[in-house]
């Protein structure tokens, strides 16, 4: 049985490379064991190791705040996304400075 999964998508904001996190899912019989948090911490460390600078997600701020995510003013996800749920994380200090605009499809 698969217990938990996490997925990242490469996107761009203002021409900058961003990892879009989501979904994170834990099988109902395994929830409450810390698997989701483990996947988030470990995957952020791996993204940093691979040279990524910033991560974006759409989610519940009180939950994701404990991982270091905060609201990203000026970063726009396609409708009907609630702007209050657009959160970002800096893998490199200052990586989100000046990065605003619409989230766009990754084009190599």
PDB file of N, CA and C in Angstrom:
ATOM      1  N   UNK A   1       0.841  -1.178   0.000  1.00  0.00           N
ATOM      2  CA  UNK A   1       0.000   0.000   0.000  1.00  0.00           C
ATOM      3  C   UNK A   1       0.889   1.246   0.000  1.00  0.00           C
ATOM      4  N   UNK A   2       0.543   2.183  -0.817  1.00  0.00           N
ATOM      5  CA  UNK A   2       1.220   3.477  -0.843  1.00  0.00           C
ATOM      6  C   UNK A   2       0.707   4.298   0.333  1.00  0.00           C
ATOM      7  N   UNK A   3       1.621   4.792   1.185  1.00  0.00           N
ATOM      8  CA  UNK A   3       1.209   5.507   2.398  1.00  0.00           C
ATOM      9  C   UNK A   3       1.069   7.004   2.188  1.00  0.00           C
ATOM     10  N   UNK A   4       1.976   7.607   1.385  1.00  0.00           N
ATOM     11  CA  UNK A   4       1.943   9.060   1.206  1.00  0.00           C
ATOM     12  C   UNK A   4       2.690   9.438  -0.074  1.00  0.00           C
ATOM     13  N   UNK A   5       2.281  10.558  -0.657  1.00  0.00           N
ATOM     14  CA  UNK A   5       2.930  11.056  -1.880  1.00  0.00           C
ATOM     15  C   UNK A   5       3.032  12.576  -1.826  1.00  0.00           C
ATOM     16  N   UNK A   6       4.009  13.082  -2.572  1.00  0.00           N
ATOM     17  CA  UNK A   6       4.163  14.528  -2.731  1.00  0.00           C
ATOM     18  C   UNK A   6       4.579  14.764  -4.169  1.00  0.00           C
ATOM     19  N   UNK A   7       4.167  15.883  -4.715  1.00  0.00           N
ATOM     20  CA  UNK A   7       4.507  16.188  -6.099  1.00  0.00           C
ATOM     21  C   UNK A   7       4.901  17.647  -6.219  1.00  0.00           C
ATOM     22  N   UNK A   8       5.873  17.898  -7.065  1.00  0.00           N
ATOM     23  CA  UNK A   8       6.307  19.246  -7.400  1.00  0.00           C
ATOM     24  C   UNK A   8       6.203  19.433  -8.897  1.00  0.00           C
ATOM     25  N   UNK A   9       5.876  20.642  -9.303  1.00  0.00           N
ATOM     26  CA  UNK A   9       5.749  21.003 -10.712  1.00  0.00           C
ATOM     27  C   UNK A   9       6.623  22.226 -10.977  1.00  0.00           C
ATOM     28  N   UNK A  10       7.434  22.225 -11.992  1.00  0.00           N
ATOM     29  CA  UNK A  10       8.165  23.451 -12.321  1.00  0.00           C
ATOM     30  C   UNK A  10       7.232  24.437 -13.018  1.00  0.00           C
ATOM     31  N   UNK A  11       7.248  25.683 -12.559  1.00  0.00           N
ATOM     32  CA  UNK A  11       6.469  26.765 -13.172  1.00  0.00           C
ATOM     33  C   UNK A  11       7.370  27.999 -13.225  1.00  0.00           C
ATOM     34  N   UNK A  12       6.832  29.082 -13.753  1.00  0.00           N
ATOM     35  CA  UNK A  12       7.553  30.350 -13.775  1.00  0.00           C
ATOM     36  C   UNK A  12       6.652  31.465 -13.239  1.00  0.00           C
ATOM     37  N   UNK A  13       7.293  32.405 -12.543  1.00  0.00           N
ATOM     38  CA  UNK A  13       6.631  33.631 -12.097  1.00  0.00           C
ATOM     39  C   UNK A  13       7.597  34.747 -12.465  1.00  0.00           C
ATOM     40  N   UNK A  14       7.121  35.688 -13.278  1.00  0.00           N
ATOM     41  CA  UNK A  14       7.969  36.799 -13.730  1.00  0.00           C
ATOM     42  C   UNK A  14       9.251  36.270 -14.379  1.00  0.00           C
ATOM     43  N   UNK A  15       9.128  35.177 -15.105  1.00  0.00           N
ATOM     44  CA  UNK A  15      10.277  34.599 -15.782  1.00  0.00           C
ATOM     45  C   UNK A  15      11.215  33.822 -14.891  1.00  0.00           C
ATOM     46  N   UNK A  16      10.943  33.785 -13.595  1.00  0.00           N
ATOM     47  CA  UNK A  16      11.805  33.082 -12.638  1.00  0.00           C
ATOM     48  C   UNK A  16      11.318  31.657 -12.427  1.00  0.00           C
ATOM     49  N   UNK A  17      12.233  30.747 -12.227  1.00  0.00           N
ATOM     50  CA  UNK A  17      11.902  29.350 -11.972  1.00  0.00           C
ATOM     51  C   UNK A  17      11.370  29.182 -10.553  1.00  0.00           C
ATOM     52  N   UNK A  18      10.270  28.465 -10.448  1.00  0.00           N
ATOM     53  CA  UNK A  18       9.617  28.223  -9.161  1.00  0.00           C
ATOM     54  C   UNK A  18       9.144  26.774  -9.146  1.00  0.00           C
ATOM     55  N   UNK A  19       9.251  26.132  -7.992  1.00  0.00           N
ATOM     56  CA  UNK A  19       8.657  24.813  -7.811  1.00  0.00           C
ATOM     57  C   UNK A  19       7.280  24.981  -7.201  1.00  0.00           C
ATOM     58  N   UNK A  20       6.281  24.438  -7.845  1.00  0.00           N
ATOM     59  CA  UNK A  20       4.910  24.461  -7.323  1.00  0.00           C
ATOM     60  C   UNK A  20       4.680  23.142  -6.605  1.00  0.00           C
ATOM     61  N   UNK A  21       4.430  23.202  -5.301  1.00  0.00           N
ATOM     62  CA  UNK A  21       4.236  22.014  -4.483  1.00  0.00           C
ATOM     63  C   UNK A  21       2.760  21.657  -4.446  1.00  0.00           C
ATOM     64  N   UNK A  22       2.478  20.410  -4.694  1.00  0.00           N
ATOM     65  CA  UNK A  22       1.117  19.922  -4.544  1.00  0.00           C
ATOM     66  C   UNK A  22       0.737  18.963  -5.651  1.00  0.00           C
ATOM     67  N   UNK A  23       0.035  17.973  -5.299  1.00  0.00           N
ATOM     68  CA  UNK A  23      -0.548  17.736  -3.978  1.00  0.00           C
ATOM     69  C   UNK A  23       0.393  16.985  -3.032  1.00  0.00           C
ATOM     70  N   UNK A  24       0.043  17.070  -1.765  1.00  0.00           N
ATOM     71  CA  UNK A  24       0.599  16.210  -0.714  1.00  0.00           C
ATOM     72  C   UNK A  24      -0.591  15.386  -0.240  1.00  0.00           C
ATOM     73  N   UNK A  25      -0.440  14.082  -0.245  1.00  0.00           N
ATOM     74  CA  UNK A  25      -1.565  13.227   0.156  1.00  0.00           C
ATOM     75  C   UNK A  25      -1.067  12.089   1.037  1.00  0.00           C
ATOM     76  N   UNK A  26      -1.831  11.786   2.068  1.00  0.00           N
ATOM     77  CA  UNK A  26      -1.517  10.691   2.977  1.00  0.00           C
ATOM     78  C   UNK A  26      -2.747   9.784   3.043  1.00  0.00           C
ATOM     79  N   UNK A  27      -2.524   8.496   2.901  1.00  0.00           N
ATOM     80  CA  UNK A  27      -3.625   7.536   2.968  1.00  0.00           C
ATOM     81  C   UNK A  27      -4.373   7.716   4.290  1.00  0.00           C
ATOM     82  N   UNK A  28      -5.698   7.675   4.265  1.00  0.00           N
ATOM     83  CA  UNK A  28      -6.488   7.904   5.483  1.00  0.00           C
ATOM     84  C   UNK A  28      -6.081   7.029   6.666  1.00  0.00           C
ATOM     85  N   UNK A  29      -5.642   5.809   6.411  1.00  0.00           N
ATOM     86  CA  UNK A  29      -5.257   4.929   7.517  1.00  0.00           C
ATOM     87  C   UNK A  29      -3.905   5.289   8.115  1.00  0.00           C
ATOM     88  N   UNK A  30      -3.161   6.205   7.476  1.00  0.00           N
ATOM     89  CA  UNK A  30      -1.834   6.601   7.949  1.00  0.00           C
ATOM     90  C   UNK A  30      -1.773   8.064   8.383  1.00  0.00           C
ATOM     91  N   UNK A  31      -2.900   8.774   8.314  1.00  0.00           N
ATOM     92  CA  UNK A  31      -2.896  10.177   8.707  1.00  0.00           C
ATOM     93  C   UNK A  31      -2.644  10.305  10.204  1.00  0.00           C
ATOM     94  N   UNK A  32      -1.978  11.402  10.563  1.00  0.00           N
ATOM     95  CA  UNK A  32      -1.661  11.645  11.960  1.00  0.00           C
ATOM     96  C   UNK A  32      -0.329  11.060  12.395  1.00  0.00           C
ATOM     97  N   UNK A  33       0.387  10.416  11.481  1.00  0.00           N
ATOM     98  CA  UNK A  33       1.678   9.811  11.798  1.00  0.00           C
ATOM     99  C   UNK A  33       2.862  10.717  11.451  1.00  0.00           C
ATOM    100  N   UNK A  34       2.584  11.873  10.853  1.00  0.00           N
ATOM    101  CA  UNK A  34       3.665  12.783  10.486  1.00  0.00           C
ATOM    102  C   UNK A  34       4.260  12.543   9.110  1.00  0.00           C
ATOM    103  N   UNK A  35       3.647  11.673   8.320  1.00  0.00           N
ATOM    104  CA  UNK A  35       4.194  11.368   7.000  1.00  0.00           C
ATOM    105  C   UNK A  35       4.175  12.574   6.064  1.00  0.00           C
ATOM    106  N   UNK A  36       3.091  13.337   6.081  1.00  0.00           N
ATOM    107  CA  UNK A  36       3.006  14.518   5.218  1.00  0.00           C
ATOM    108  C   UNK A  36       4.086  15.530   5.567  1.00  0.00           C
ATOM    109  N   UNK A  37       4.256  15.809   6.850  1.00  0.00           N
ATOM    110  CA  UNK A  37       5.296  16.731   7.287  1.00  0.00           C
ATOM    111  C   UNK A  37       6.679  16.243   6.917  1.00  0.00           C
ATOM    112  N   UNK A  38       6.914  14.953   7.086  1.00  0.00           N
ATOM    113  CA  UNK A  38       8.198  14.362   6.717  1.00  0.00           C
ATOM    114  C   UNK A  38       8.478  14.578   5.234  1.00  0.00           C
ATOM    115  N   UNK A  39       7.482  14.299   4.391  1.00  0.00           N
ATOM    116  CA  UNK A  39       7.663  14.488   2.945  1.00  0.00           C
ATOM    117  C   UNK A  39       7.954  15.948   2.609  1.00  0.00           C
ATOM    118  N   UNK A  40       7.273  16.863   3.258  1.00  0.00           N
ATOM    119  CA  UNK A  40       7.497  18.286   2.987  1.00  0.00           C
ATOM    120  C   UNK A  40       8.916  18.681   3.385  1.00  0.00           C
ATOM    121  N   UNK A  41       9.325  18.377   4.612  1.00  0.00           N
ATOM    122  CA  UNK A  41      10.676  18.742   5.058  1.00  0.00           C
ATOM    123  C   UNK A  41      11.754  18.123   4.172  1.00  0.00           C
ATOM    124  N   UNK A  42      11.633  16.843   3.902  1.00  0.00           N
ATOM    125  CA  UNK A  42      12.661  16.154   3.115  1.00  0.00           C
ATOM    126  C   UNK A  42      12.701  16.639   1.659  1.00  0.00           C
ATOM    127  N   UNK A  43      11.532  16.890   1.080  1.00  0.00           N
ATOM    128  CA  UNK A  43      11.511  17.340  -0.310  1.00  0.00           C
ATOM    129  C   UNK A  43      12.011  18.775  -0.443  1.00  0.00           C
ATOM    130  N   UNK A  44      11.764  19.624   0.552  1.00  0.00           N
ATOM    131  CA  UNK A  44      12.317  20.982   0.517  1.00  0.00           C
ATOM    132  C   UNK A  44      13.844  20.937   0.625  1.00  0.00           C
ATOM    133  N   UNK A  45      14.361  20.054   1.454  1.00  0.00           N
ATOM    134  CA  UNK A  45      15.811  19.902   1.566  1.00  0.00           C
ATOM    135  C   UNK A  45      16.406  19.419   0.245  1.00  0.00           C
ATOM    136  N   UNK A  46      15.733  18.496  -0.417  1.00  0.00           N
ATOM    137  CA  UNK A  46      16.216  17.994  -1.708  1.00  0.00           C
ATOM    138  C   UNK A  46      16.146  19.074  -2.782  1.00  0.00           C
ATOM    139  N   UNK A  47      15.070  19.868  -2.774  1.00  0.00           N
ATOM    140  CA  UNK A  47      14.958  20.971  -3.739  1.00  0.00           C
ATOM    141  C   UNK A  47      16.100  21.965  -3.536  1.00  0.00           C
ATOM    142  N   UNK A  48      16.418  22.255  -2.300  1.00  0.00           N
ATOM    143  CA  UNK A  48      17.541  23.156  -1.999  1.00  0.00           C
ATOM    144  C   UNK A  48      18.840  22.553  -2.510  1.00  0.00           C
ATOM    145  N   UNK A  49      19.049  21.279  -2.247  1.00  0.00           N
ATOM    146  CA  UNK A  49      20.264  20.598  -2.687  1.00  0.00           C
ATOM    147  C   UNK A  49      20.405  20.627  -4.212  1.00  0.00           C
ATOM    148  N   UNK A  50      19.261  20.559  -4.907  1.00  0.00           N
ATOM    149  CA  UNK A  50      19.268  20.575  -6.370  1.00  0.00           C
ATOM    150  C   UNK A  50      19.399  21.978  -6.958  1.00  0.00           C
ATOM    151  N   UNK A  51      19.405  23.006  -6.098  1.00  0.00           N
ATOM    152  CA  UNK A  51      19.636  24.361  -6.575  1.00  0.00           C
ATOM    153  C   UNK A  51      18.411  25.219  -6.812  1.00  0.00           C
ATOM    154  N   UNK A  52      17.245  24.746  -6.407  1.00  0.00           N
ATOM    155  CA  UNK A  52      16.048  25.569  -6.533  1.00  0.00           C
ATOM    156  C   UNK A  52      16.093  26.686  -5.489  1.00  0.00           C
ATOM    157  N   UNK A  53      15.465  27.814  -5.807  1.00  0.00           N
ATOM    158  CA  UNK A  53      15.502  28.972  -4.914  1.00  0.00           C
ATOM    159  C   UNK A  53      14.195  29.219  -4.188  1.00  0.00           C
ATOM    160  N   UNK A  54      13.067  28.858  -4.802  1.00  0.00           N
ATOM    161  CA  UNK A  54      11.771  29.210  -4.221  1.00  0.00           C
ATOM    162  C   UNK A  54      10.737  28.136  -4.533  1.00  0.00           C
ATOM    163  N   UNK A  55       9.763  28.035  -3.600  1.00  0.00           N
ATOM    164  CA  UNK A  55       8.674  27.064  -3.720  1.00  0.00           C
ATOM    165  C   UNK A  55       7.360  27.802  -3.509  1.00  0.00           C
ATOM    166  N   UNK A  56       6.342  27.390  -4.230  1.00  0.00           N
ATOM    167  CA  UNK A  56       5.008  27.992  -4.165  1.00  0.00           C
ATOM    168  C   UNK A  56       4.001  26.881  -3.921  1.00  0.00           C
ATOM    169  N   UNK A  57       2.934  27.191  -3.204  1.00  0.00           N
ATOM    170  CA  UNK A  57       1.826  26.252  -3.066  1.00  0.00           C
ATOM    171  C   UNK A  57       0.540  27.010  -2.815  1.00  0.00           C
ATOM    172  N   UNK A  58      -0.559  26.318  -2.984  1.00  0.00           N
ATOM    173  CA  UNK A  58      -1.867  26.849  -2.628  1.00  0.00           C
ATOM    174  C   UNK A  58      -2.360  25.990  -1.481  1.00  0.00           C
ATOM    175  N   UNK A  59      -2.537  26.614  -0.306  1.00  0.00           N
ATOM    176  CA  UNK A  59      -2.938  25.817   0.842  1.00  0.00           C
ATOM    177  C   UNK A  59      -3.331  26.653   2.038  1.00  0.00           C
ATOM    178  N   UNK A  60      -3.512  25.958   3.134  1.00  0.00           N
ATOM    179  CA  UNK A  60      -3.962  26.539   4.392  1.00  0.00           C
ATOM    180  C   UNK A  60      -2.764  27.134   5.138  1.00  0.00           C
ATOM    181  N   UNK A  61      -2.722  28.467   5.239  1.00  0.00           N
ATOM    182  CA  UNK A  61      -1.578  29.155   5.849  1.00  0.00           C
ATOM    183  C   UNK A  61      -1.258  28.659   7.259  1.00  0.00           C
ATOM    184  N   UNK A  62      -2.235  28.472   8.150  1.00  0.00           N
ATOM    185  CA  UNK A  62      -1.885  27.999   9.493  1.00  0.00           C
ATOM    186  C   UNK A  62      -1.157  26.646   9.485  1.00  0.00           C
ATOM    187  N   UNK A  63      -1.506  25.773   8.571  1.00  0.00           N
ATOM    188  CA  UNK A  63      -0.834  24.468   8.494  1.00  0.00           C
ATOM    189  C   UNK A  63       0.580  24.614   7.935  1.00  0.00           C
ATOM    190  N   UNK A  64       0.720  25.303   6.811  1.00  0.00           N
ATOM    191  CA  UNK A  64       2.015  25.380   6.119  1.00  0.00           C
ATOM    192  C   UNK A  64       2.986  26.376   6.756  1.00  0.00           C
ATOM    193  N   UNK A  65       2.511  27.236   7.616  1.00  0.00           N
ATOM    194  CA  UNK A  65       3.385  28.196   8.309  1.00  0.00           C
ATOM    195  C   UNK A  65       4.467  27.464   9.108  1.00  0.00           C
ATOM    196  N   UNK A  66       4.137  26.327   9.676  1.00  0.00           N
ATOM    197  CA  UNK A  66       5.113  25.588  10.499  1.00  0.00           C
ATOM    198  C   UNK A  66       6.302  25.081   9.684  1.00  0.00           C
ATOM    199  N   UNK A  67       6.144  25.035   8.366  1.00  0.00           N
ATOM    200  CA  UNK A  67       7.248  24.634   7.490  1.00  0.00           C
ATOM    201  C   UNK A  67       8.024  25.844   6.965  1.00  0.00           C
ATOM    202  N   UNK A  68       7.523  27.050   7.267  1.00  0.00           N
ATOM    203  CA  UNK A  68       8.192  28.267   6.817  1.00  0.00           C
ATOM    204  C   UNK A  68       7.518  28.978   5.657  1.00  0.00           C
ATOM    205  N   UNK A  69       6.351  28.504   5.226  1.00  0.00           N
ATOM    206  CA  UNK A  69       5.629  29.147   4.131  1.00  0.00           C
ATOM    207  C   UNK A  69       4.898  30.386   4.638  1.00  0.00           C
ATOM    208  N   UNK A  70       4.798  31.401   3.784  1.00  0.00           N
ATOM    209  CA  UNK A  70       4.034  32.601   4.119  1.00  0.00           C
ATOM    210  C   UNK A  70       3.338  33.105   2.858  1.00  0.00           C
ATOM    211  N   UNK A  71       2.362  33.964   3.064  1.00  0.00           N
ATOM    212  CA  UNK A  71       1.562  34.496   1.964  1.00  0.00           C
ATOM    213  C   UNK A  71       2.448  35.248   0.976  1.00  0.00           C
ATOM    214  N   UNK A  72       2.211  35.031  -0.318  1.00  0.00           N
ATOM    215  CA  UNK A  72       2.969  35.683  -1.375  1.00  0.00           C
ATOM    216  C   UNK A  72       2.083  36.734  -2.048  1.00  0.00           C
ATOM    217  N   UNK A  73       2.209  37.957  -1.592  1.00  0.00           N
ATOM    218  CA  UNK A  73       1.478  39.069  -2.205  1.00  0.00           C
ATOM    219  C   UNK A  73       1.985  39.259  -3.623  1.00  0.00           C
ATOM    220  N   UNK A  74       1.075  39.446  -4.544  1.00  0.00           N
ATOM    221  CA  UNK A  74       1.462  39.755  -5.913  1.00  0.00           C
ATOM    222  C   UNK A  74       1.734  38.560  -6.803  1.00  0.00           C
ATOM    223  N   UNK A  75       1.690  37.351  -6.250  1.00  0.00           N
ATOM    224  CA  UNK A  75       1.815  36.144  -7.065  1.00  0.00           C
ATOM    225  C   UNK A  75       0.399  35.661  -7.347  1.00  0.00           C
ATOM    226  N   UNK A  76       0.055  35.539  -8.620  1.00  0.00           N
ATOM    227  CA  UNK A  76      -1.323  35.286  -9.021  1.00  0.00           C
ATOM    228  C   UNK A  76      -1.458  33.904  -9.656  1.00  0.00           C
ATOM    229  N   UNK A  77      -2.269  33.062  -9.016  1.00  0.00           N
ATOM    230  CA  UNK A  77      -2.609  31.747  -9.562  1.00  0.00           C
ATOM    231  C   UNK A  77      -3.882  31.901 -10.394  1.00  0.00           C
ATOM    232  N   UNK A  78      -4.093  31.004 -11.349  1.00  0.00           N
ATOM    233  CA  UNK A  78      -5.319  31.086 -12.150  1.00  0.00           C
ATOM    234  C   UNK A  78      -6.570  30.983 -11.284  1.00  0.00           C
ATOM    235  N   UNK A  79      -7.658  31.665 -11.696  1.00  0.00           N
ATOM    236  CA  UNK A  79      -8.925  31.565 -10.967  1.00  0.00           C
ATOM    237  C   UNK A  79      -9.412  30.120 -10.975  1.00  0.00           C
ATOM    238  N   UNK A  80     -10.135  29.725  -9.988  1.00  0.00           N
ATOM    239  CA  UNK A  80     -10.715  30.483  -8.892  1.00  0.00           C
ATOM    240  C   UNK A  80      -9.873  30.462  -7.622  1.00  0.00           C
ATOM    241  N   UNK A  81      -8.553  30.460  -7.716  1.00  0.00           N
ATOM    242  CA  UNK A  81      -7.688  30.379  -6.543  1.00  0.00           C
ATOM    243  C   UNK A  81      -7.867  31.589  -5.638  1.00  0.00           C
ATOM    244  N   UNK A  82      -8.055  31.336  -4.353  1.00  0.00           N
ATOM    245  CA  UNK A  82      -8.144  32.388  -3.344  1.00  0.00           C
ATOM    246  C   UNK A  82      -6.733  32.943  -3.113  1.00  0.00           C
ATOM    247  N   UNK A  83      -6.492  34.236  -3.354  1.00  0.00           N
ATOM    248  CA  UNK A  83      -5.151  34.806  -3.189  1.00  0.00           C
ATOM    249  C   UNK A  83      -4.583  34.653  -1.780  1.00  0.00           C
ATOM    250  N   UNK A  84      -5.439  34.527  -0.770  1.00  0.00           N
ATOM    251  CA  UNK A  84      -4.961  34.346   0.600  1.00  0.00           C
ATOM    252  C   UNK A  84      -4.325  32.979   0.821  1.00  0.00           C
ATOM    253  N   UNK A  85      -4.540  32.058  -0.114  1.00  0.00           N
ATOM    254  CA  UNK A  85      -3.999  30.703   0.015  1.00  0.00           C
ATOM    255  C   UNK A  85      -2.736  30.494  -0.815  1.00  0.00           C
ATOM    256  N   UNK A  86      -2.263  31.540  -1.491  1.00  0.00           N
ATOM    257  CA  UNK A  86      -1.034  31.443  -2.287  1.00  0.00           C
ATOM    258  C   UNK A  86       0.143  31.714  -1.344  1.00  0.00           C
ATOM    259  N   UNK A  87       0.932  30.667  -1.105  1.00  0.00           N
ATOM    260  CA  UNK A  87       2.003  30.721  -0.115  1.00  0.00           C
ATOM    261  C   UNK A  87       3.342  30.406  -0.771  1.00  0.00           C
ATOM    262  N   UNK A  88       4.392  30.995  -0.246  1.00  0.00           N
ATOM    263  CA  UNK A  88       5.715  30.750  -0.788  1.00  0.00           C
ATOM    264  C   UNK A  88       6.730  30.440   0.289  1.00  0.00           C
ATOM    265  N   UNK A  89       7.831  29.836  -0.138  1.00  0.00           N
ATOM    266  CA  UNK A  89       8.917  29.454   0.753  1.00  0.00           C
ATOM    267  C   UNK A  89      10.226  29.766   0.052  1.00  0.00           C
ATOM    268  N   UNK A  90      11.164  30.348   0.780  1.00  0.00           N
ATOM    269  CA  UNK A  90      12.471  30.664   0.217  1.00  0.00           C
ATOM    270  C   UNK A  90      13.473  29.580   0.597  1.00  0.00           C
ATOM    271  N   UNK A  91      14.025  28.934  -0.408  1.00  0.00           N
ATOM    272  CA  UNK A  91      15.100  27.976  -0.188  1.00  0.00           C
ATOM    273  C   UNK A  91      16.431  28.709  -0.081  1.00  0.00           C
ATOM    274  N   UNK A  92      16.479  29.890  -0.675  1.00  0.00           N
ATOM    275  CA  UNK A  92      17.628  30.791  -0.592  1.00  0.00           C
ATOM    276  C   UNK A  92      17.083  32.117  -0.067  1.00  0.00           C
ATOM    277  N   UNK A  93      17.669  32.665   0.999  1.00  0.00           N
ATOM    278  CA  UNK A  93      17.158  33.935   1.536  1.00  0.00           C
ATOM    279  C   UNK A  93      17.060  35.022   0.467  1.00  0.00           C
ATOM    280  N   UNK A  94      15.900  35.686   0.444  1.00  0.00           N
ATOM    281  CA  UNK A  94      15.672  36.768  -0.514  1.00  0.00           C
ATOM    282  C   UNK A  94      15.206  36.314  -1.886  1.00  0.00           C
ATOM    283  N   UNK A  95      15.004  35.010  -2.071  1.00  0.00           N
ATOM    284  CA  UNK A  95      14.663  34.479  -3.402  1.00  0.00           C
ATOM    285  C   UNK A  95      13.339  34.993  -3.945  1.00  0.00           C
ATOM    286  N   UNK A  96      12.406  35.391  -3.078  1.00  0.00           N
ATOM    287  CA  UNK A  96      11.113  35.889  -3.551  1.00  0.00           C
ATOM    288  C   UNK A  96      11.103  37.404  -3.763  1.00  0.00           C
ATOM    289  N   UNK A  97      12.165  38.105  -3.388  1.00  0.00           N
ATOM    290  CA  UNK A  97      12.188  39.565  -3.543  1.00  0.00           C
ATOM    291  C   UNK A  97      12.000  39.953  -5.008  1.00  0.00           C
ATOM    292  N   UNK A  98      10.985  40.790  -5.254  1.00  0.00           N
ATOM    293  CA  UNK A  98      10.714  41.282  -6.600  1.00  0.00           C
ATOM    294  C   UNK A  98      10.061  40.283  -7.536  1.00  0.00           C
ATOM    295  N   UNK A  99       9.714  39.101  -7.042  1.00  0.00           N
ATOM    296  CA  UNK A  99       9.085  38.082  -7.886  1.00  0.00           C
ATOM    297  C   UNK A  99       7.576  38.167  -7.697  1.00  0.00           C
ATOM    298  N   UNK A 100       6.910  38.828  -8.631  1.00  0.00           N
ATOM    299  CA  UNK A 100       5.454  38.957  -8.610  1.00  0.00           C
ATOM    300  C   UNK A 100       4.933  38.749 -10.018  1.00  0.00           C
ATOM    301  N   UNK A 101       3.659  38.442 -10.108  1.00  0.00           N
ATOM    302  CA  UNK A 101       3.038  38.252 -11.407  1.00  0.00           C
ATOM    303  C   UNK A 101       2.280  36.947 -11.457  1.00  0.00           C
ATOM    304  N   UNK A 102       1.840  36.611 -12.653  1.00  0.00           N
ATOM    305  CA  UNK A 102       1.051  35.404 -12.839  1.00  0.00           C
ATOM    306  C   UNK A 102       1.937  34.170 -12.889  1.00  0.00           C
ATOM    307  N   UNK A 103       1.420  33.093 -12.309  1.00  0.00           N
ATOM    308  CA  UNK A 103       2.097  31.805 -12.405  1.00  0.00           C
ATOM    309  C   UNK A 103       1.871  31.297 -13.828  1.00  0.00           C
ATOM    310  N   UNK A 104       2.969  30.939 -14.477  1.00  0.00           N
ATOM    311  CA  UNK A 104       2.901  30.515 -15.879  1.00  0.00           C
ATOM    312  C   UNK A 104       3.438  29.093 -16.036  1.00  0.00           C
ATOM    313  N   UNK A 105       2.969  28.452 -17.073  1.00  0.00           N
ATOM    314  CA  UNK A 105       3.437  27.127 -17.426  1.00  0.00           C
ATOM    315  C   UNK A 105       4.944  27.145 -17.660  1.00  0.00           C
ATOM    316  N   UNK A 106       5.609  26.102 -17.239  1.00  0.00           N
ATOM    317  CA  UNK A 106       7.046  25.952 -17.450  1.00  0.00           C
ATOM    318  C   UNK A 106       7.314  25.735 -18.937  1.00  0.00           C
ATOM    319  N   UNK A 107       8.222  26.505 -19.453  1.00  0.00           N
ATOM    320  CA  UNK A 107       8.678  26.287 -20.831  1.00  0.00           C
ATOM    321  C   UNK A 107      10.193  26.235 -20.791  1.00  0.00           C
ATOM    322  N   UNK A 108      10.766  25.108 -21.180  1.00  0.00           N
ATOM    323  CA  UNK A 108      12.241  24.966 -21.115  1.00  0.00           C
ATOM    324  C   UNK A 108      12.964  25.960 -21.996  1.00  0.00           C
TER     325      UNK A 108
END
